[in-house]
Protein backbone atom coordinates (compact mmCIF):
# COMPACT_ATOMS: atom_id res chain seq x y z
CA MET A 1 -13.16 63.31 -5.60
CA ALA A 2 -13.08 65.43 -9.06
CA ARG A 3 -15.69 67.84 -8.51
CA LEU A 4 -18.67 68.56 -11.70
CA ALA A 5 -20.00 71.68 -12.43
CA GLY A 6 -22.45 71.25 -15.41
CA THR A 7 -20.25 69.72 -17.72
CA VAL A 8 -16.93 70.69 -16.51
CA TRP A 9 -14.85 68.33 -14.45
CA GLU A 10 -12.34 69.82 -12.39
CA PRO A 11 -10.30 69.08 -9.42
CA ARG A 12 -10.27 70.25 -5.56
CA VAL A 13 -8.08 70.63 -2.81
CA LEU A 14 -8.42 67.53 -1.03
CA ALA A 15 -8.70 66.95 2.46
CA VAL A 16 -7.16 63.40 3.72
CA PRO A 17 -9.90 60.89 3.18
CA ALA A 18 -11.18 58.11 5.62
CA VAL A 19 -8.55 55.49 6.39
CA ASP A 20 -11.43 52.92 3.66
CA ARG A 21 -10.96 55.26 0.99
CA VAL A 22 -7.82 55.16 0.50
CA TYR A 23 -6.01 54.32 -2.96
CA THR A 24 -3.02 52.99 -2.76
CA LEU A 25 -0.72 50.50 -4.42
CA GLY A 26 -0.44 47.26 -2.40
CA CYS A 27 1.12 48.65 0.60
CA ALA A 28 1.37 45.60 3.17
CA THR A 29 -0.70 48.05 5.74
CA ASP A 30 -3.39 49.31 3.92
CA ARG A 31 -6.83 47.64 3.00
CA ARG A 32 -6.69 47.53 -1.02
CA ARG A 33 -4.56 45.99 -3.49
CA TYR A 34 -3.42 47.21 -6.55
CA ALA A 35 -5.42 47.30 -9.90
CA GLY A 36 -7.54 49.34 -7.44
CA ARG A 37 -10.03 46.43 -6.60
CA LEU A 38 -12.51 47.87 -3.72
CA SER A 39 -12.30 47.53 -0.29
CA SER A 40 -15.17 45.30 1.39
CA ALA A 41 -16.37 48.66 3.04
CA ALA A 42 -16.87 50.05 -0.27
CA PRO A 43 -20.16 50.19 -2.29
CA ARG A 44 -21.24 47.43 -4.90
CA LEU A 45 -22.82 48.75 -8.20
CA PRO A 46 -26.10 46.98 -8.95
CA THR A 47 -24.91 44.60 -11.25
CA GLY A 48 -25.64 46.12 -15.30
CA SER A 49 -26.30 49.90 -13.98
CA LEU A 50 -24.64 53.00 -15.04
CA PRO A 51 -23.64 54.81 -12.26
CA SER A 52 -23.78 58.51 -11.43
CA ARG A 53 -21.19 60.54 -12.79
CA HIS A 54 -21.27 62.28 -9.56
CA MET A 55 -20.65 59.56 -7.31
CA PRO A 56 -16.83 59.23 -5.68
CA PRO A 57 -14.63 57.41 -7.53
CA ALA A 58 -14.50 55.02 -5.44
CA ALA A 59 -17.60 53.64 -6.23
CA VAL A 60 -16.96 53.89 -9.85
CA LYS A 61 -14.64 50.95 -11.75
CA VAL A 62 -13.34 51.07 -15.02
CA CYS A 63 -11.40 48.22 -17.36
CA VAL A 64 -8.37 49.52 -18.69
CA ILE A 65 -7.81 46.60 -21.73
CA HIS A 66 -4.27 46.93 -23.00
CA VAL A 67 -4.20 45.40 -26.88
CA GLY A 68 -0.91 47.11 -27.78
CA GLY A 69 0.84 50.16 -29.55
CA THR A 70 3.48 52.55 -28.72
CA ILE A 71 2.65 53.04 -25.41
CA GLY A 72 3.53 49.90 -23.80
CA MET A 73 6.32 49.20 -25.99
CA THR A 74 10.31 48.84 -24.75
CA LEU A 75 13.40 48.38 -27.11
CA THR A 76 14.55 45.28 -27.93
CA GLU A 77 17.63 43.76 -28.75
CA SER A 78 17.64 44.40 -32.11
CA GLY A 79 16.86 48.12 -31.46
CA HIS A 80 13.45 48.60 -32.68
CA PHE A 81 10.69 49.24 -30.34
CA ALA A 82 8.05 46.53 -30.06
CA PRO A 83 5.30 45.44 -27.37
CA GLN A 84 6.39 43.81 -24.19
CA PRO A 85 3.46 41.69 -22.09
CA GLY A 86 3.34 42.67 -18.32
CA PHE A 87 5.77 45.57 -18.92
CA LEU A 88 2.37 48.46 -19.29
CA GLY A 89 0.80 46.65 -16.03
CA GLU A 90 4.28 47.58 -14.18
CA TYR A 91 4.45 50.52 -15.07
CA LEU A 92 1.15 51.55 -13.77
CA ARG A 93 1.96 49.60 -10.51
CA GLY A 94 4.36 52.34 -9.82
CA LEU A 95 2.48 55.25 -11.41
CA THR A 96 1.70 56.73 -8.03
CA GLU A 97 -0.48 59.33 -9.42
CA LEU A 98 -2.81 56.24 -8.78
CA ARG A 99 -3.16 57.03 -5.58
CA SER A 100 -4.74 60.02 -5.57
CA PRO A 101 -8.91 59.25 -4.59
CA GLU A 102 -9.57 61.92 -7.68
CA LEU A 103 -9.01 58.77 -10.11
CA PRO A 104 -11.70 56.29 -10.32
CA GLU A 105 -11.18 52.89 -9.15
CA PHE A 106 -9.36 50.56 -12.20
CA GLU A 107 -8.59 46.96 -13.47
CA PHE A 108 -6.33 46.46 -15.82
CA VAL A 109 -6.43 43.80 -18.48
CA GLU A 110 -3.89 42.95 -21.25
CA LEU A 111 -5.62 41.06 -24.21
CA PRO A 112 -3.01 39.30 -26.00
CA PRO A 113 -1.38 38.68 -28.11
CA LEU A 114 -0.55 42.52 -27.81
CA LEU A 115 0.43 44.22 -31.23
CA ASP A 116 1.27 47.34 -32.74
CA SER A 117 -1.30 48.30 -34.65
CA ALA A 118 -0.49 48.21 -37.69
CA ASP A 119 -0.63 44.43 -37.12
CA LEU A 120 -4.56 45.49 -36.50
CA GLY A 121 -7.60 44.15 -38.60
CA PRO A 122 -10.80 43.28 -38.43
CA GLN A 123 -10.84 39.68 -36.14
CA ASP A 124 -9.01 42.36 -33.83
CA TRP A 125 -11.77 44.86 -33.74
CA LEU A 126 -14.06 42.01 -33.17
CA ARG A 127 -11.75 40.96 -30.25
CA ILE A 128 -11.98 44.26 -28.51
CA ALA A 129 -15.63 44.44 -29.24
CA GLU A 130 -15.98 40.89 -27.39
CA ALA A 131 -13.53 41.48 -24.64
CA ILE A 132 -15.51 44.43 -23.73
CA ILE A 133 -19.41 43.00 -24.16
CA GLU A 134 -18.29 40.09 -21.78
CA ARG A 135 -17.44 42.80 -18.92
CA TYR A 136 -20.23 45.06 -19.98
CA ASP A 137 -22.08 44.52 -16.83
CA GLU A 138 -19.43 44.64 -14.11
CA TYR A 139 -17.29 48.24 -14.83
CA ALA A 140 -18.86 51.94 -15.47
CA GLY A 141 -16.60 52.16 -18.17
CA PHE A 142 -13.45 51.25 -20.99
CA VAL A 143 -10.32 52.77 -21.44
CA VAL A 144 -8.90 50.58 -24.58
CA VAL A 145 -4.70 51.29 -24.78
CA HIS A 146 -4.09 50.77 -28.41
CA GLY A 147 -1.28 52.58 -31.14
CA THR A 148 -2.08 54.83 -32.87
CA ASP A 149 -1.89 54.51 -36.31
CA THR A 150 -5.16 52.56 -36.68
CA MET A 151 -6.63 53.73 -33.62
CA ALA A 152 -9.36 55.30 -35.89
CA TYR A 153 -10.15 52.32 -37.71
CA SER A 154 -10.78 50.30 -34.34
CA ALA A 155 -12.83 53.18 -32.29
CA SER A 156 -14.78 53.34 -35.79
CA ALA A 157 -15.11 49.76 -35.43
CA LEU A 158 -16.02 49.64 -31.99
CA SER A 159 -18.94 52.28 -32.40
CA PHE A 160 -20.73 49.85 -34.99
CA LEU A 161 -20.40 46.64 -32.69
CA LEU A 162 -21.36 48.13 -29.50
CA ASP A 163 -24.58 48.33 -30.46
CA GLY A 164 -26.61 50.13 -27.69
CA LEU A 165 -23.60 51.35 -25.56
CA SER A 166 -24.68 53.70 -23.13
CA LYS A 167 -21.11 53.48 -21.20
CA PRO A 168 -17.75 55.66 -22.21
CA VAL A 169 -15.35 53.50 -24.41
CA VAL A 170 -12.27 55.92 -24.57
CA LEU A 171 -8.99 55.05 -26.62
CA THR A 172 -5.87 55.69 -25.99
CA GLY A 173 -2.27 55.45 -26.25
CA ALA A 174 0.96 57.70 -27.07
CA GLN A 175 3.51 58.70 -29.41
CA LEU A 176 6.22 57.98 -27.10
CA SER A 177 6.43 55.07 -25.02
CA VAL A 178 6.00 55.48 -21.02
CA VAL A 179 9.70 54.23 -20.95
CA HIS A 180 10.56 57.94 -22.53
CA PRO A 181 10.92 60.49 -19.95
CA ARG A 182 8.70 62.78 -22.08
CA SER A 183 5.99 60.44 -22.92
CA ASP A 184 3.18 61.62 -23.61
CA GLY A 185 1.36 58.34 -22.86
CA ARG A 186 1.09 59.12 -18.61
CA GLU A 187 -1.34 62.06 -19.25
CA HIS A 188 -3.65 60.07 -21.43
CA LEU A 189 -3.97 57.35 -19.37
CA LEU A 190 -4.86 59.18 -16.31
CA THR A 191 -7.35 61.53 -18.54
CA SER A 192 -8.67 58.34 -20.27
CA LEU A 193 -9.56 57.23 -16.65
CA ILE A 194 -11.08 60.46 -15.57
CA VAL A 195 -13.26 60.68 -18.77
CA ALA A 196 -14.23 56.60 -18.36
CA GLY A 197 -15.00 56.60 -14.91
CA SER A 198 -16.65 60.16 -13.90
CA LEU A 199 -18.07 61.77 -17.23
CA ASP A 200 -21.10 61.44 -19.14
CA ILE A 201 -20.02 60.40 -22.80
CA PRO A 202 -21.48 57.12 -23.62
CA GLU A 203 -19.97 56.87 -26.60
CA VAL A 204 -16.67 55.15 -28.34
CA SER A 205 -13.98 58.48 -28.35
CA ILE A 206 -10.48 58.82 -28.51
CA CYS A 207 -8.36 60.91 -26.07
CA PHE A 208 -5.62 62.14 -27.44
CA GLY A 209 -3.61 65.72 -27.33
CA ARG A 210 -5.90 67.40 -24.95
CA ARG A 211 -8.87 66.72 -26.63
CA VAL A 212 -11.56 64.01 -26.61
CA LEU A 213 -12.92 63.39 -30.11
CA ARG A 214 -15.67 61.18 -31.13
CA GLY A 215 -13.89 57.70 -32.52
CA ASN A 216 -15.78 57.41 -35.75
CA ARG A 217 -14.96 60.85 -36.67
CA ALA A 218 -11.23 60.95 -35.87
CA GLN A 219 -8.15 60.73 -38.15
CA LYS A 220 -4.79 60.61 -37.33
CA VAL A 221 -3.15 63.38 -38.42
CA HIS A 222 0.72 63.98 -37.60
CA ASN A 223 2.81 61.48 -36.90
CA GLN A 224 5.50 63.76 -34.78
CA ASP A 225 3.35 66.05 -32.87
CA PHE A 226 1.76 65.15 -29.76
CA VAL A 227 -1.71 66.29 -31.19
CA ALA A 228 -1.79 63.38 -33.28
CA PHE A 229 -5.66 63.02 -33.97
CA ASP A 230 -8.63 65.83 -35.62
CA SER A 231 -11.83 65.49 -36.44
CA GLY A 232 -12.59 67.68 -39.23
CA ASN A 233 -16.70 67.39 -39.40
CA LEU A 234 -17.26 67.41 -35.69
CA GLU A 235 -16.50 69.48 -32.64
CA PRO A 236 -14.34 67.50 -29.79
CA LEU A 237 -16.81 65.61 -27.42
CA ALA A 238 -14.29 67.57 -24.82
CA SER A 239 -11.25 69.60 -24.06
CA VAL A 240 -8.82 68.83 -21.56
CA GLY A 241 -6.78 71.48 -19.64
CA ALA A 242 -6.61 72.68 -16.20
CA ARG A 243 -10.27 71.38 -16.31
CA ILE A 244 -12.64 68.81 -18.48
CA VAL A 245 -14.98 70.69 -20.41
CA GLN A 246 -17.47 68.73 -21.95
CA ASN A 247 -19.14 69.62 -25.08
CA ARG A 248 -22.94 69.07 -24.98
CA ARG A 249 -23.68 70.05 -28.08
CA THR A 250 -22.14 66.89 -29.68
CA ILE A 251 -21.95 63.81 -27.54
CA ARG A 252 -24.83 61.48 -28.25
CA PRO A 253 -27.68 60.33 -25.44
CA PRO A 254 -26.77 57.13 -24.03
CA GLY A 255 -27.87 53.70 -26.00
CA SER A 256 -30.36 51.15 -24.29
CA GLY A 257 -27.42 49.90 -22.43
CA ARG A 258 -27.76 46.36 -23.73
CA LEU A 259 -24.96 45.09 -25.83
CA ARG A 260 -26.07 41.56 -27.46
CA PRO A 261 -23.48 39.17 -28.44
CA ILE A 262 -21.60 39.52 -31.96
CA ASN A 263 -23.46 37.54 -34.32
CA LEU A 264 -21.14 38.41 -38.04
CA PRO A 265 -21.66 35.44 -40.19
CA ARG A 266 -19.52 36.46 -42.72
CA ASP A 267 -16.02 38.24 -43.04
CA PRO A 268 -16.44 40.33 -46.29
CA LYS A 269 -13.71 41.71 -48.30
CA VAL A 270 -13.70 45.65 -47.95
CA VAL A 271 -10.83 47.48 -49.33
CA SER A 272 -10.12 51.78 -49.71
CA LEU A 273 -8.75 53.35 -53.07
CA ARG A 274 -7.80 57.03 -53.20
CA LEU A 275 -7.74 58.39 -56.83
CA PHE A 276 -4.70 59.55 -58.29
CA PRO A 277 -4.25 61.54 -61.50
CA GLY A 278 -3.27 58.64 -63.97
CA LEU A 279 -6.22 56.32 -62.85
CA GLY A 280 -7.30 54.92 -65.32
CA ALA A 281 -9.93 52.36 -66.25
CA GLU A 282 -7.54 49.07 -66.77
CA LEU A 283 -5.67 49.68 -63.73
CA LEU A 284 -8.82 49.77 -61.64
CA GLU A 285 -10.21 46.47 -63.80
CA HIS A 286 -7.24 44.55 -62.11
CA LEU A 287 -7.38 46.67 -58.84
CA LEU A 288 -10.53 45.30 -58.25
CA GLU A 289 -10.11 41.95 -59.39
CA PRO A 290 -11.01 39.58 -57.79
CA THR A 291 -14.14 41.53 -56.92
CA PRO A 292 -14.09 42.65 -52.84
CA ASP A 293 -17.53 43.14 -51.31
CA GLY A 294 -17.06 46.88 -50.49
CA LEU A 295 -15.19 49.42 -52.03
CA VAL A 296 -14.51 52.83 -50.12
CA LEU A 297 -13.64 55.34 -52.99
CA GLU A 298 -11.90 58.37 -51.83
CA THR A 299 -12.28 60.82 -54.23
CA TYR A 300 -11.29 64.58 -54.77
CA GLY A 301 -12.44 67.40 -53.44
CA VAL A 302 -16.57 67.18 -52.86
CA GLY A 303 -16.65 64.44 -54.39
CA ASN A 304 -15.36 64.01 -57.97
CA ALA A 305 -13.48 61.14 -59.94
CA PRO A 306 -12.21 61.34 -63.69
CA VAL A 307 -14.82 61.12 -66.27
CA ARG A 308 -13.20 61.82 -69.50
CA ASP A 309 -12.16 58.47 -70.15
CA GLY A 310 -16.07 56.79 -69.93
CA ALA A 311 -14.28 53.36 -69.45
CA PHE A 312 -13.71 54.33 -66.02
CA LEU A 313 -17.37 54.97 -65.22
CA ALA A 314 -17.99 51.70 -67.00
CA VAL A 315 -15.46 49.68 -64.82
CA LEU A 316 -17.20 50.88 -61.50
CA GLU A 317 -20.85 50.54 -62.99
CA ARG A 318 -20.19 46.81 -64.00
CA ALA A 319 -18.43 46.13 -60.27
CA ILE A 320 -21.98 47.36 -58.93
CA PHE A 321 -24.64 46.24 -60.98
CA GLU A 322 -23.24 42.51 -62.64
CA ARG A 323 -20.67 42.11 -59.26
CA GLN A 324 -22.59 43.45 -56.69
CA LEU A 325 -20.05 45.68 -55.25
CA VAL A 326 -21.39 48.33 -52.57
CA VAL A 327 -19.12 51.70 -53.92
CA VAL A 328 -19.21 54.59 -51.07
CA ASN A 329 -17.84 58.34 -51.87
CA CYS A 330 -15.61 59.35 -49.32
CA SER A 331 -13.83 63.05 -50.35
CA GLN A 332 -10.23 62.66 -49.52
CA CYS A 333 -10.21 65.69 -47.45
CA HIS A 334 -9.77 66.14 -43.49
CA GLY A 335 -12.86 68.07 -43.69
CA GLY A 336 -16.14 68.66 -45.72
CA PHE A 337 -18.93 66.86 -47.48
CA VAL A 338 -19.54 65.16 -50.41
CA GLN A 339 -22.24 66.61 -53.04
CA PRO A 340 -21.66 64.64 -55.66
CA GLU A 341 -24.23 67.22 -57.40
CA THR A 342 -22.16 70.36 -57.43
CA TYR A 343 -20.11 68.76 -60.47
CA ALA A 344 -21.06 66.75 -63.35
CA THR A 345 -17.85 64.51 -62.30
CA GLY A 346 -19.14 63.87 -58.79
CA ALA A 347 -22.68 63.23 -60.56
CA ALA A 348 -21.40 60.93 -62.57
CA LEU A 349 -20.35 58.51 -60.06
CA ALA A 350 -23.66 59.12 -58.74
CA ARG A 351 -25.30 57.87 -61.58
CA VAL A 352 -23.68 54.73 -61.84
CA GLY A 353 -24.52 53.85 -58.50
CA VAL A 354 -21.42 54.89 -55.95
CA ARG A 355 -23.18 55.91 -52.49
CA SER A 356 -22.29 59.14 -51.04
CA GLY A 357 -20.23 58.75 -48.22
CA ALA A 358 -21.56 62.12 -46.85
CA ASP A 359 -19.19 63.80 -44.40
CA MET A 360 -17.44 60.17 -43.42
CA THR A 361 -13.95 59.63 -42.64
CA PRO A 362 -12.44 57.45 -44.64
CA GLU A 363 -12.09 55.22 -41.98
CA ALA A 364 -15.48 55.33 -40.29
CA ALA A 365 -16.86 54.30 -43.84
CA LEU A 366 -14.02 51.62 -44.40
CA THR A 367 -15.41 50.16 -40.98
CA LYS A 368 -18.95 50.54 -41.30
CA LEU A 369 -18.79 48.40 -44.67
CA TYR A 370 -17.27 46.02 -43.19
CA CYS A 371 -19.54 45.31 -40.21
CA LEU A 372 -22.70 45.84 -42.64
CA LEU A 373 -21.83 43.67 -45.11
CA ALA A 374 -20.70 41.01 -42.30
CA LYS A 375 -24.00 41.33 -41.12
CA TYR A 376 -26.46 41.62 -43.92
CA ASP A 377 -26.12 39.42 -47.18
CA ASP A 378 -29.07 42.20 -48.65
CA ILE A 379 -26.67 44.46 -50.54
CA GLU A 380 -29.82 46.87 -51.10
CA HIS A 381 -30.08 46.93 -47.37
CA VAL A 382 -26.37 47.21 -46.89
CA SER A 383 -26.44 50.08 -49.58
CA ARG A 384 -29.27 51.96 -47.80
CA LEU A 385 -27.83 51.71 -44.51
CA VAL A 386 -24.21 53.69 -45.73
CA GLY A 387 -26.27 56.38 -45.88
CA GLU A 388 -27.86 56.58 -42.58
CA ASP A 389 -26.35 58.09 -39.20
CA LEU A 390 -25.85 54.62 -36.84
CA ALA A 391 -23.31 55.86 -33.97
CA GLY A 392 -23.04 59.65 -35.43
CA GLU A 393 -20.42 58.63 -37.95
CA LEU A 394 -21.97 61.63 -40.16
CA THR A 395 -24.54 64.14 -40.66
CA ILE A 396 -28.29 64.14 -42.44
CA SER A 397 -28.28 67.08 -44.51
């Protein structure tokens, strides 16, 4: 198995394992089947327990949930890439690296319909969360195979939906489909299995481009580079090289381990609006009709907005106080904090009731607002929780 040295995962030279520890892909003479199902000789974990990360991979089982994305796409007759049901499972079936006893046992679940992540929405966040909750007691960790375009949104949403999480939930994908000989998907899949099955990172993360990032702190920053995600306000949870080195300072402690069924009685309308020069009161009024339930206002710098036209602020104030709109101020910058007290243009937003998003990403703020507004109908309570750290998404100053 892989050796855990403190906070470092590193491979070692393996002796030939005993027959009942051999991991294969369904050879007729072997005692195991594809998908890493344990033989009868392998130990079974007690229901609901979180296995020690020092246990051999054969004693740990990871659930791989495929929801779509580039990694499992194939070229269609029209010449475009699209998700192909069954394809990624067949790819894994032929991936010889999965025979290594250094990798944990896993089971592969395809969650239909497979979607390009551009097509995913709030109901899909719930669908993924419910799939994890249904299987939570059966596995030591989860890998969610997902498209990159909205991965940061899904990772953020899952961090709020999986309250009490005490096991790794790792989102991963690829910039190139695994049909491509240079695909980054193979490495991401293998590393994510190790992170989910062998490391103590009991939170929702994104494993991509040699780093493991907190899911609700990550943003997609490049559509060509293999280092596609970054976290402007938090160091990586782990760095991936010849060894996988965990950053204990940034990893959250495990939750209670008891995930409750999701009960969201409402389906709120939450939108994000990026400020731009020339956005005036008339256009803002039009954009807020009909009034949504929540608004993430992506502002300049440390939280600034145009205030020279007092009508702009008046539109926001009416929406907040008369129409119960919850507005969160997030910076357009990839890193840094919203500090509305620094400039008069930011202070004016606070005076009309706009809540500071601190150092949240717009993705985290939008999904947090959605989950809170779906759960609570008390707007003051929602506004208060916006400024609290619920899942490591913001820094309390």
